[in-house]
Amino acid sequence: MKIEKQLIAKCIEGDRRAQLRLYDLCYSYMMSICIRYCRDQQEAGSRLNLSFLKVLQNLDKFDNTGSFNAWISKITLRSIIDEFRSQQRHYQHHEYHGEAVNDLAWDQQEYSRVDQEADTEYILKAINQLPPMDKLVFNMFAIDGYTHKEIAAQLNISIGTSKWHVHEARKSIKANLLQSPKTASLK
């Protein structure tokens, strides 16, 4: 997505039409980020709007030397993380000290069946069924490439807790994917 300097300047000046145009240009990209981290479309829309408000409030800080996509991606993810932090007291903290590899290994038959039967939508539904904290940590680790140390620092949890959430997410996703997509009850 290429955003013109002139559009950014008008947005900074408070031009509502320019802000609406920027929102339209950024909507799909930002929504794709929000949808990965939220329970449903409504929550994702709410997070997107909060994130876009932060984009507008900080637009004067964008120096136009880096990627605009990377900049709004960072703001969107930080906004989502801030919301999770504010609700963090509702989530349990677990420490995981074991190895998460052995019990999650796929045998060739399981892998082949899931590869043949599961489509992207089905896999996303399996991820969306995760508890909110498992989903957040899993997406940060597996999709966005954060390390456990970075996740722990951003979410104010221990590295062991981050590992535990990824382990639990993988275990749940595997169990969901091993159900037949034709008979599974993923919502």
N, C-alpha and C. Protein backbone atom coordinates (compact mmCIF):
# COMPACT_ATOMS: atom_id res chain seq x y z
N MET A 1 0.85 -1.16 0.00
CA MET A 1 0.00 0.00 0.00
C MET A 1 0.90 1.23 0.00
N LYS A 2 0.68 2.09 -0.94
CA LYS A 2 1.47 3.32 -1.08
C LYS A 2 0.59 4.50 -0.68
N ILE A 3 1.02 5.20 0.35
CA ILE A 3 0.28 6.36 0.85
C ILE A 3 1.06 7.61 0.45
N GLU A 4 0.37 8.53 -0.17
CA GLU A 4 1.01 9.75 -0.63
C GLU A 4 1.29 10.70 0.54
N LYS A 5 2.41 11.42 0.44
CA LYS A 5 2.78 12.39 1.46
C LYS A 5 1.71 13.47 1.61
N GLN A 6 1.11 13.83 0.50
CA GLN A 6 0.08 14.87 0.48
C GLN A 6 -1.14 14.43 1.31
N LEU A 7 -1.52 13.15 1.20
CA LEU A 7 -2.65 12.63 1.97
C LEU A 7 -2.33 12.66 3.46
N ILE A 8 -1.12 12.26 3.81
CA ILE A 8 -0.70 12.29 5.21
C ILE A 8 -0.72 13.73 5.74
N ALA A 9 -0.24 14.67 4.96
CA ALA A 9 -0.22 16.07 5.38
C ALA A 9 -1.64 16.58 5.63
N LYS A 10 -2.57 16.24 4.76
CA LYS A 10 -3.96 16.67 4.94
C LYS A 10 -4.57 16.03 6.18
N CYS A 11 -4.22 14.79 6.44
CA CYS A 11 -4.73 14.11 7.63
C CYS A 11 -4.21 14.80 8.90
N ILE A 12 -2.95 15.16 8.90
CA ILE A 12 -2.35 15.85 10.05
C ILE A 12 -3.05 17.19 10.28
N GLU A 13 -3.44 17.86 9.20
CA GLU A 13 -4.14 19.15 9.30
C GLU A 13 -5.57 18.98 9.82
N GLY A 14 -6.06 17.75 9.84
CA GLY A 14 -7.42 17.50 10.35
C GLY A 14 -8.48 17.41 9.27
N ASP A 15 -8.08 17.27 8.03
CA ASP A 15 -9.02 17.15 6.92
C ASP A 15 -9.77 15.81 7.03
N ARG A 16 -11.06 15.87 7.32
CA ARG A 16 -11.86 14.66 7.55
C ARG A 16 -11.95 13.77 6.30
N ARG A 17 -12.04 14.38 5.14
CA ARG A 17 -12.11 13.58 3.90
C ARG A 17 -10.80 12.81 3.68
N ALA A 18 -9.70 13.46 3.97
CA ALA A 18 -8.40 12.80 3.82
C ALA A 18 -8.27 11.67 4.84
N GLN A 19 -8.75 11.90 6.06
CA GLN A 19 -8.72 10.86 7.09
C GLN A 19 -9.57 9.66 6.69
N LEU A 20 -10.74 9.93 6.12
CA LEU A 20 -11.60 8.85 5.64
C LEU A 20 -10.93 8.09 4.49
N ARG A 21 -10.28 8.80 3.62
CA ARG A 21 -9.55 8.17 2.50
C ARG A 21 -8.42 7.28 3.05
N LEU A 22 -7.69 7.78 4.04
CA LEU A 22 -6.62 6.99 4.64
C LEU A 22 -7.19 5.74 5.31
N TYR A 23 -8.31 5.91 6.01
CA TYR A 23 -8.98 4.77 6.66
C TYR A 23 -9.34 3.71 5.61
N ASP A 24 -9.93 4.15 4.50
CA ASP A 24 -10.30 3.23 3.43
C ASP A 24 -9.08 2.48 2.88
N LEU A 25 -7.97 3.20 2.73
CA LEU A 25 -6.76 2.59 2.19
C LEU A 25 -6.13 1.59 3.18
N CYS A 26 -6.24 1.87 4.46
CA CYS A 26 -5.60 1.04 5.49
C CYS A 26 -6.48 -0.07 6.02
N TYR A 27 -7.79 0.02 5.77
CA TYR A 27 -8.75 -0.87 6.41
C TYR A 27 -8.41 -2.36 6.25
N SER A 28 -8.23 -2.82 5.05
CA SER A 28 -7.99 -4.26 4.82
C SER A 28 -6.74 -4.75 5.51
N TYR A 29 -5.69 -3.97 5.39
CA TYR A 29 -4.42 -4.37 6.00
C TYR A 29 -4.52 -4.43 7.52
N MET A 30 -5.08 -3.39 8.10
CA MET A 30 -5.21 -3.35 9.56
C MET A 30 -6.20 -4.41 10.06
N MET A 31 -7.28 -4.62 9.31
CA MET A 31 -8.26 -5.63 9.72
C MET A 31 -7.64 -7.02 9.69
N SER A 32 -6.77 -7.29 8.73
CA SER A 32 -6.13 -8.60 8.68
C SER A 32 -5.28 -8.86 9.93
N ILE A 33 -4.70 -7.81 10.47
CA ILE A 33 -3.93 -7.94 11.72
C ILE A 33 -4.89 -8.16 12.88
N CYS A 34 -5.92 -7.33 12.96
CA CYS A 34 -6.86 -7.41 14.08
C CYS A 34 -7.59 -8.75 14.12
N ILE A 35 -7.96 -9.27 12.98
CA ILE A 35 -8.73 -10.52 12.92
C ILE A 35 -7.92 -11.68 13.47
N ARG A 36 -6.59 -11.62 13.32
CA ARG A 36 -5.74 -12.69 13.86
C ARG A 36 -5.76 -12.73 15.37
N TYR A 37 -5.97 -11.60 15.99
CA TYR A 37 -5.86 -11.52 17.44
C TYR A 37 -7.19 -11.44 18.19
N CYS A 38 -8.27 -11.29 17.50
CA CYS A 38 -9.56 -11.06 18.15
C CYS A 38 -10.48 -12.27 18.03
N ARG A 39 -11.45 -12.33 18.94
CA ARG A 39 -12.40 -13.45 18.99
C ARG A 39 -13.31 -13.49 17.78
N ASP A 40 -13.75 -12.33 17.34
CA ASP A 40 -14.72 -12.29 16.25
C ASP A 40 -14.57 -10.99 15.47
N GLN A 41 -15.39 -10.87 14.44
CA GLN A 41 -15.33 -9.72 13.53
C GLN A 41 -15.64 -8.42 14.27
N GLN A 42 -16.60 -8.46 15.18
CA GLN A 42 -16.99 -7.26 15.91
C GLN A 42 -15.84 -6.74 16.78
N GLU A 43 -15.20 -7.64 17.51
CA GLU A 43 -14.06 -7.24 18.33
C GLU A 43 -12.93 -6.72 17.45
N ALA A 44 -12.69 -7.39 16.33
CA ALA A 44 -11.63 -6.95 15.42
C ALA A 44 -11.93 -5.54 14.89
N GLY A 45 -13.19 -5.27 14.56
CA GLY A 45 -13.56 -3.94 14.09
C GLY A 45 -13.33 -2.88 15.15
N SER A 46 -13.67 -3.22 16.38
CA SER A 46 -13.46 -2.30 17.49
C SER A 46 -11.97 -2.01 17.68
N ARG A 47 -11.14 -3.07 17.65
CA ARG A 47 -9.69 -2.89 17.80
C ARG A 47 -9.11 -2.10 16.63
N LEU A 48 -9.64 -2.34 15.43
CA LEU A 48 -9.17 -1.60 14.27
C LEU A 48 -9.45 -0.11 14.44
N ASN A 49 -10.65 0.22 14.90
CA ASN A 49 -10.99 1.64 15.07
C ASN A 49 -10.10 2.31 16.12
N LEU A 50 -9.85 1.60 17.23
CA LEU A 50 -8.94 2.15 18.24
C LEU A 50 -7.54 2.32 17.68
N SER A 51 -7.10 1.35 16.92
CA SER A 51 -5.77 1.41 16.32
C SER A 51 -5.67 2.55 15.32
N PHE A 52 -6.71 2.72 14.50
CA PHE A 52 -6.67 3.78 13.50
C PHE A 52 -6.66 5.15 14.17
N LEU A 53 -7.39 5.28 15.27
CA LEU A 53 -7.36 6.53 16.02
C LEU A 53 -5.94 6.84 16.48
N LYS A 54 -5.22 5.81 16.95
CA LYS A 54 -3.82 6.00 17.36
C LYS A 54 -2.94 6.36 16.17
N VAL A 55 -3.24 5.77 15.00
CA VAL A 55 -2.49 6.12 13.79
C VAL A 55 -2.67 7.61 13.51
N LEU A 56 -3.93 8.08 13.54
CA LEU A 56 -4.19 9.50 13.28
C LEU A 56 -3.51 10.41 14.30
N GLN A 57 -3.57 10.00 15.56
CA GLN A 57 -2.98 10.81 16.62
C GLN A 57 -1.46 10.89 16.52
N ASN A 58 -0.84 9.90 15.90
CA ASN A 58 0.62 9.84 15.82
C ASN A 58 1.15 10.02 14.40
N LEU A 59 0.29 10.39 13.48
CA LEU A 59 0.69 10.50 12.07
C LEU A 59 1.82 11.50 11.87
N ASP A 60 1.87 12.52 12.70
CA ASP A 60 2.95 13.51 12.57
C ASP A 60 4.31 12.93 12.93
N LYS A 61 4.31 11.76 13.59
CA LYS A 61 5.57 11.11 13.97
C LYS A 61 6.10 10.18 12.87
N PHE A 62 5.27 9.90 11.87
CA PHE A 62 5.73 9.06 10.76
C PHE A 62 6.66 9.90 9.90
N ASP A 63 7.91 9.45 9.75
CA ASP A 63 8.92 10.25 9.06
C ASP A 63 9.02 10.00 7.56
N ASN A 64 8.19 9.12 7.03
CA ASN A 64 8.14 8.86 5.59
C ASN A 64 9.40 8.22 5.03
N THR A 65 10.31 7.78 5.90
CA THR A 65 11.51 7.11 5.39
C THR A 65 11.33 5.60 5.40
N GLY A 66 10.53 5.09 6.33
CA GLY A 66 10.31 3.65 6.42
C GLY A 66 9.01 3.26 5.72
N SER A 67 8.66 2.02 5.91
CA SER A 67 7.43 1.49 5.33
C SER A 67 6.22 1.93 6.15
N PHE A 68 5.24 2.50 5.48
CA PHE A 68 4.01 2.90 6.16
C PHE A 68 3.28 1.67 6.70
N ASN A 69 3.30 0.57 5.92
CA ASN A 69 2.67 -0.67 6.38
C ASN A 69 3.28 -1.16 7.68
N ALA A 70 4.60 -1.15 7.76
CA ALA A 70 5.27 -1.61 8.98
C ALA A 70 4.92 -0.69 10.14
N TRP A 71 4.83 0.59 9.88
CA TRP A 71 4.52 1.55 10.93
C TRP A 71 3.11 1.34 11.48
N ILE A 72 2.11 1.19 10.58
CA ILE A 72 0.75 1.00 11.08
C ILE A 72 0.57 -0.41 11.67
N SER A 73 1.33 -1.35 11.17
CA SER A 73 1.29 -2.70 11.74
C SER A 73 1.75 -2.68 13.19
N LYS A 74 2.82 -1.95 13.43
CA LYS A 74 3.37 -1.84 14.79
C LYS A 74 2.37 -1.15 15.72
N ILE A 75 1.76 -0.08 15.25
CA ILE A 75 0.77 0.63 16.06
C ILE A 75 -0.44 -0.27 16.33
N THR A 76 -0.90 -0.99 15.32
CA THR A 76 -2.06 -1.86 15.48
C THR A 76 -1.77 -2.95 16.50
N LEU A 77 -0.65 -3.61 16.36
CA LEU A 77 -0.30 -4.69 17.29
C LEU A 77 -0.11 -4.14 18.71
N ARG A 78 0.55 -3.02 18.85
CA ARG A 78 0.72 -2.43 20.18
C ARG A 78 -0.61 -2.04 20.81
N SER A 79 -1.52 -1.56 20.00
CA SER A 79 -2.85 -1.20 20.49
C SER A 79 -3.59 -2.44 21.00
N ILE A 80 -3.49 -3.53 20.27
CA ILE A 80 -4.11 -4.79 20.67
C ILE A 80 -3.47 -5.30 21.96
N ILE A 81 -2.15 -5.23 22.03
CA ILE A 81 -1.44 -5.66 23.24
C ILE A 81 -1.82 -4.80 24.43
N ASP A 82 -1.94 -3.49 24.22
CA ASP A 82 -2.35 -2.60 25.32
C ASP A 82 -3.72 -2.99 25.85
N GLU A 83 -4.62 -3.37 24.96
CA GLU A 83 -5.97 -3.79 25.38
C GLU A 83 -5.89 -5.09 26.19
N PHE A 84 -5.07 -6.02 25.75
CA PHE A 84 -4.89 -7.26 26.51
C PHE A 84 -4.28 -6.98 27.87
N ARG A 85 -3.32 -6.08 27.92
CA ARG A 85 -2.71 -5.73 29.20
C ARG A 85 -3.75 -5.17 30.16
N SER A 86 -4.64 -4.33 29.65
CA SER A 86 -5.65 -3.73 30.52
C SER A 86 -6.62 -4.78 31.06
N GLN A 87 -6.77 -5.88 30.34
CA GLN A 87 -7.66 -6.95 30.77
C GLN A 87 -6.89 -8.13 31.35
N GLN A 88 -5.61 -7.98 31.55
CA GLN A 88 -4.73 -9.09 31.93
C GLN A 88 -5.13 -9.76 33.24
N ARG A 89 -5.73 -9.06 34.13
CA ARG A 89 -6.11 -9.66 35.41
C ARG A 89 -7.11 -10.80 35.23
N HIS A 90 -7.75 -10.86 34.07
CA HIS A 90 -8.74 -11.90 33.81
C HIS A 90 -8.10 -13.21 33.32
N TYR A 91 -6.84 -13.17 32.99
CA TYR A 91 -6.18 -14.34 32.43
C TYR A 91 -5.29 -15.00 33.48
N GLN A 92 -5.25 -16.31 33.42
CA GLN A 92 -4.40 -17.04 34.33
C GLN A 92 -2.96 -17.01 33.84
N HIS A 93 -2.04 -17.08 34.78
CA HIS A 93 -0.62 -17.17 34.44
C HIS A 93 -0.15 -18.58 34.74
N HIS A 94 0.53 -19.17 33.79
CA HIS A 94 1.04 -20.52 33.94
C HIS A 94 2.53 -20.51 33.63
N GLU A 95 3.23 -21.34 34.30
CA GLU A 95 4.65 -21.52 34.01
C GLU A 95 4.82 -22.87 33.34
N TYR A 96 5.51 -22.87 32.22
CA TYR A 96 5.79 -24.11 31.52
C TYR A 96 7.28 -24.32 31.55
N HIS A 97 7.71 -25.45 32.08
CA HIS A 97 9.15 -25.71 32.20
C HIS A 97 9.60 -26.91 31.38
N GLY A 98 8.69 -27.56 30.69
CA GLY A 98 9.02 -28.78 29.96
C GLY A 98 9.33 -28.51 28.50
N GLU A 99 9.54 -29.57 27.80
CA GLU A 99 9.77 -29.50 26.37
C GLU A 99 8.43 -29.69 25.67
N ALA A 100 8.13 -28.84 24.72
CA ALA A 100 6.84 -28.86 24.06
C ALA A 100 6.87 -29.61 22.73
N VAL A 101 7.94 -30.27 22.43
CA VAL A 101 8.10 -30.82 21.10
C VAL A 101 7.51 -32.24 20.96
N ASN A 102 7.84 -33.15 21.85
CA ASN A 102 7.51 -34.55 21.67
C ASN A 102 6.02 -34.85 21.53
N ASP A 103 5.20 -34.29 22.40
CA ASP A 103 3.79 -34.63 22.36
C ASP A 103 3.05 -33.93 21.23
N LEU A 104 3.70 -33.03 20.53
CA LEU A 104 3.04 -32.33 19.44
C LEU A 104 3.51 -32.78 18.06
N ALA A 105 4.35 -33.77 18.03
CA ALA A 105 4.85 -34.25 16.74
C ALA A 105 3.71 -34.90 15.95
N TRP A 106 3.71 -34.66 14.66
CA TRP A 106 2.69 -35.21 13.77
C TRP A 106 3.26 -36.46 13.11
N ASP A 107 2.48 -37.54 13.10
CA ASP A 107 2.95 -38.66 12.30
C ASP A 107 2.54 -38.40 10.85
N GLN A 108 3.13 -39.11 9.93
CA GLN A 108 2.94 -38.85 8.51
C GLN A 108 1.48 -38.99 8.09
N GLN A 109 0.78 -39.96 8.66
CA GLN A 109 -0.62 -40.19 8.31
C GLN A 109 -1.50 -39.00 8.75
N GLU A 110 -1.26 -38.50 9.97
CA GLU A 110 -2.02 -37.34 10.46
C GLU A 110 -1.76 -36.13 9.57
N TYR A 111 -0.49 -35.91 9.28
CA TYR A 111 -0.11 -34.76 8.47
C TYR A 111 -0.76 -34.83 7.09
N SER A 112 -0.72 -35.99 6.46
CA SER A 112 -1.29 -36.15 5.12
C SER A 112 -2.79 -35.88 5.10
N ARG A 113 -3.49 -36.41 6.12
CA ARG A 113 -4.95 -36.23 6.15
C ARG A 113 -5.31 -34.76 6.35
N VAL A 114 -4.65 -34.09 7.28
CA VAL A 114 -4.94 -32.68 7.52
C VAL A 114 -4.57 -31.86 6.30
N ASP A 115 -3.44 -32.15 5.68
CA ASP A 115 -3.00 -31.44 4.49
C ASP A 115 -4.02 -31.56 3.36
N GLN A 116 -4.63 -32.71 3.22
CA GLN A 116 -5.60 -32.94 2.15
C GLN A 116 -6.98 -32.36 2.47
N GLU A 117 -7.40 -32.40 3.73
CA GLU A 117 -8.77 -32.04 4.08
C GLU A 117 -8.94 -30.60 4.57
N ALA A 118 -7.94 -30.05 5.21
CA ALA A 118 -8.11 -28.73 5.85
C ALA A 118 -7.74 -27.61 4.89
N ASP A 119 -8.59 -26.61 4.82
CA ASP A 119 -8.26 -25.42 4.03
C ASP A 119 -7.90 -24.29 5.00
N THR A 120 -7.50 -23.17 4.44
CA THR A 120 -7.06 -22.04 5.26
C THR A 120 -8.15 -21.59 6.22
N GLU A 121 -9.37 -21.53 5.75
CA GLU A 121 -10.48 -21.09 6.60
C GLU A 121 -10.65 -22.01 7.80
N TYR A 122 -10.51 -23.29 7.59
CA TYR A 122 -10.64 -24.26 8.67
C TYR A 122 -9.52 -24.09 9.70
N ILE A 123 -8.32 -23.86 9.22
CA ILE A 123 -7.18 -23.66 10.11
C ILE A 123 -7.37 -22.37 10.92
N LEU A 124 -7.84 -21.31 10.26
CA LEU A 124 -8.09 -20.06 10.98
C LEU A 124 -9.18 -20.23 12.04
N LYS A 125 -10.18 -21.03 11.74
CA LYS A 125 -11.23 -21.30 12.73
C LYS A 125 -10.65 -22.03 13.93
N ALA A 126 -9.73 -22.95 13.68
CA ALA A 126 -9.09 -23.67 14.79
C ALA A 126 -8.29 -22.70 15.66
N ILE A 127 -7.61 -21.76 15.05
CA ILE A 127 -6.85 -20.76 15.81
C ILE A 127 -7.81 -19.84 16.56
N ASN A 128 -8.91 -19.46 15.92
CA ASN A 128 -9.86 -18.55 16.55
C ASN A 128 -10.58 -19.16 17.74
N GLN A 129 -10.57 -20.47 17.88
CA GLN A 129 -11.21 -21.11 19.02
C GLN A 129 -10.33 -21.12 20.26
N LEU A 130 -9.10 -20.70 20.11
CA LEU A 130 -8.19 -20.68 21.26
C LEU A 130 -8.67 -19.65 22.30
N PRO A 131 -8.37 -19.89 23.57
CA PRO A 131 -8.63 -18.86 24.58
C PRO A 131 -7.85 -17.60 24.20
N PRO A 132 -8.35 -16.41 24.56
CA PRO A 132 -7.75 -15.16 24.10
C PRO A 132 -6.24 -15.03 24.34
N MET A 133 -5.77 -15.37 25.51
CA MET A 133 -4.34 -15.21 25.80
C MET A 133 -3.52 -16.22 25.00
N ASP A 134 -3.99 -17.45 24.87
CA ASP A 134 -3.29 -18.44 24.04
C ASP A 134 -3.20 -17.94 22.60
N LYS A 135 -4.30 -17.39 22.10
CA LYS A 135 -4.35 -16.91 20.73
C LYS A 135 -3.38 -15.74 20.52
N LEU A 136 -3.36 -14.81 21.46
CA LEU A 136 -2.48 -13.66 21.36
C LEU A 136 -1.02 -14.10 21.33
N VAL A 137 -0.63 -14.92 22.29
CA VAL A 137 0.76 -15.35 22.39
C VAL A 137 1.13 -16.21 21.18
N PHE A 138 0.25 -17.12 20.79
CA PHE A 138 0.52 -17.97 19.63
C PHE A 138 0.74 -17.13 18.37
N ASN A 139 -0.14 -16.17 18.12
CA ASN A 139 0.00 -15.32 16.93
C ASN A 139 1.28 -14.50 16.97
N MET A 140 1.59 -13.95 18.14
CA MET A 140 2.82 -13.17 18.24
C MET A 140 4.04 -14.04 17.95
N PHE A 141 4.02 -15.29 18.46
CA PHE A 141 5.16 -16.19 18.30
C PHE A 141 5.20 -16.81 16.90
N ALA A 142 4.11 -17.45 16.50
CA ALA A 142 4.12 -18.25 15.27
C ALA A 142 3.89 -17.43 14.01
N ILE A 143 3.11 -16.37 14.09
CA ILE A 143 2.78 -15.60 12.90
C ILE A 143 3.68 -14.37 12.76
N ASP A 144 3.80 -13.62 13.84
CA ASP A 144 4.56 -12.37 13.76
C ASP A 144 6.04 -12.51 14.10
N GLY A 145 6.46 -13.68 14.58
CA GLY A 145 7.87 -13.95 14.77
C GLY A 145 8.53 -13.37 16.01
N TYR A 146 7.74 -12.98 17.00
CA TYR A 146 8.33 -12.49 18.24
C TYR A 146 8.96 -13.67 18.99
N THR A 147 10.02 -13.38 19.75
CA THR A 147 10.61 -14.41 20.59
C THR A 147 9.83 -14.46 21.90
N HIS A 148 10.03 -15.54 22.67
CA HIS A 148 9.36 -15.64 23.96
C HIS A 148 9.78 -14.50 24.89
N LYS A 149 11.03 -14.10 24.78
CA LYS A 149 11.53 -13.00 25.60
C LYS A 149 10.81 -11.69 25.26
N GLU A 150 10.63 -11.44 23.96
CA GLU A 150 9.93 -10.22 23.52
C GLU A 150 8.46 -10.25 23.93
N ILE A 151 7.84 -11.42 23.79
CA ILE A 151 6.42 -11.56 24.17
C ILE A 151 6.28 -11.32 25.67
N ALA A 152 7.17 -11.92 26.45
CA ALA A 152 7.12 -11.77 27.90
C ALA A 152 7.24 -10.29 28.30
N ALA A 153 8.14 -9.58 27.65
CA ALA A 153 8.33 -8.17 27.97
C ALA A 153 7.10 -7.34 27.59
N GLN A 154 6.53 -7.62 26.42
CA GLN A 154 5.38 -6.83 25.96
C GLN A 154 4.12 -7.10 26.77
N LEU A 155 3.93 -8.33 27.22
CA LEU A 155 2.70 -8.70 27.92
C LEU A 155 2.85 -8.75 29.43
N ASN A 156 4.04 -8.43 29.91
CA ASN A 156 4.31 -8.49 31.35
C ASN A 156 4.04 -9.87 31.93
N ILE A 157 4.55 -10.89 31.24
CA ILE A 157 4.45 -12.26 31.71
C ILE A 157 5.86 -12.84 31.69
N SER A 158 6.02 -14.02 32.29
CA SER A 158 7.34 -14.64 32.26
C SER A 158 7.56 -15.35 30.93
N ILE A 159 8.80 -15.64 30.63
CA ILE A 159 9.13 -16.38 29.41
C ILE A 159 8.49 -17.76 29.47
N GLY A 160 8.50 -18.38 30.65
CA GLY A 160 7.86 -19.69 30.82
C GLY A 160 6.37 -19.64 30.55
N THR A 161 5.72 -18.57 30.95
CA THR A 161 4.29 -18.42 30.69
C THR A 161 4.03 -18.28 29.19
N SER A 162 4.89 -17.53 28.52
CA SER A 162 4.77 -17.40 27.06
C SER A 162 4.90 -18.77 26.40
N LYS A 163 5.88 -19.54 26.81
CA LYS A 163 6.08 -20.88 26.25
C LYS A 163 4.87 -21.77 26.53
N TRP A 164 4.31 -21.65 27.73
CA TRP A 164 3.15 -22.46 28.10
C TRP A 164 1.97 -22.14 27.19
N HIS A 165 1.73 -20.87 26.93
CA HIS A 165 0.60 -20.48 26.07
C HIS A 165 0.79 -21.00 24.64
N VAL A 166 2.00 -20.93 24.13
CA VAL A 166 2.27 -21.46 22.78
C VAL A 166 2.05 -22.98 22.77
N HIS A 167 2.54 -23.64 23.79
CA HIS A 167 2.36 -25.10 23.89
C HIS A 167 0.88 -25.46 23.92
N GLU A 168 0.12 -24.79 24.77
CA GLU A 168 -1.32 -25.06 24.88
C GLU A 168 -2.04 -24.76 23.57
N ALA A 169 -1.66 -23.68 22.91
CA ALA A 169 -2.28 -23.33 21.63
C ALA A 169 -2.00 -24.40 20.59
N ARG A 170 -0.76 -24.83 20.49
CA ARG A 170 -0.41 -25.86 19.52
C ARG A 170 -1.17 -27.15 19.79
N LYS A 171 -1.28 -27.50 21.07
CA LYS A 171 -1.99 -28.72 21.45
C LYS A 171 -3.46 -28.63 21.03
N SER A 172 -4.10 -27.50 21.29
CA SER A 172 -5.50 -27.31 20.92
C SER A 172 -5.69 -27.29 19.41
N ILE A 173 -4.80 -26.59 18.71
CA ILE A 173 -4.90 -26.50 17.25
C ILE A 173 -4.75 -27.89 16.65
N LYS A 174 -3.77 -28.65 17.13
CA LYS A 174 -3.57 -30.00 16.61
C LYS A 174 -4.81 -30.86 16.84
N ALA A 175 -5.37 -30.80 18.04
CA ALA A 175 -6.58 -31.59 18.34
C ALA A 175 -7.72 -31.19 17.42
N ASN A 176 -7.89 -29.91 17.19
CA ASN A 176 -8.96 -29.45 16.30
C ASN A 176 -8.72 -29.87 14.86
N LEU A 177 -7.48 -29.78 14.41
CA LEU A 177 -7.18 -30.13 13.02
C LEU A 177 -7.28 -31.63 12.75
N LEU A 178 -7.07 -32.43 13.79
CA LEU A 178 -7.15 -33.88 13.58
C LEU A 178 -8.59 -34.37 13.50
N GLN A 179 -9.54 -33.50 13.87
CA GLN A 179 -10.95 -33.84 13.63
C GLN A 179 -11.16 -33.69 12.13
N SER A 180 -12.07 -34.44 11.59
CA SER A 180 -12.35 -34.30 10.15
C SER A 180 -13.02 -32.97 9.91
N PRO A 181 -12.52 -32.17 8.98
CA PRO A 181 -13.15 -30.89 8.68
C PRO A 181 -14.62 -31.03 8.30
N LYS A 182 -14.98 -32.19 7.77
CA LYS A 182 -16.36 -32.39 7.34
C LYS A 182 -17.28 -32.65 8.52
N THR A 183 -16.74 -33.15 9.63
CA THR A 183 -17.59 -33.47 10.78
C THR A 183 -17.29 -32.63 12.01
N ALA A 184 -16.26 -31.80 11.94
CA ALA A 184 -15.86 -31.01 13.10
C ALA A 184 -16.89 -29.92 13.38
N SER A 185 -16.92 -29.51 14.64
CA SER A 185 -17.89 -28.48 15.04
C SER A 185 -17.20 -27.15 15.30
N LEU A 186 -16.21 -26.80 14.50
CA LEU A 186 -15.56 -25.51 14.66
C LEU A 186 -16.54 -24.42 14.25
N LYS A 187 -16.63 -23.40 15.06
CA LYS A 187 -17.59 -22.31 14.80
C LYS A 187 -16.96 -21.24 13.96
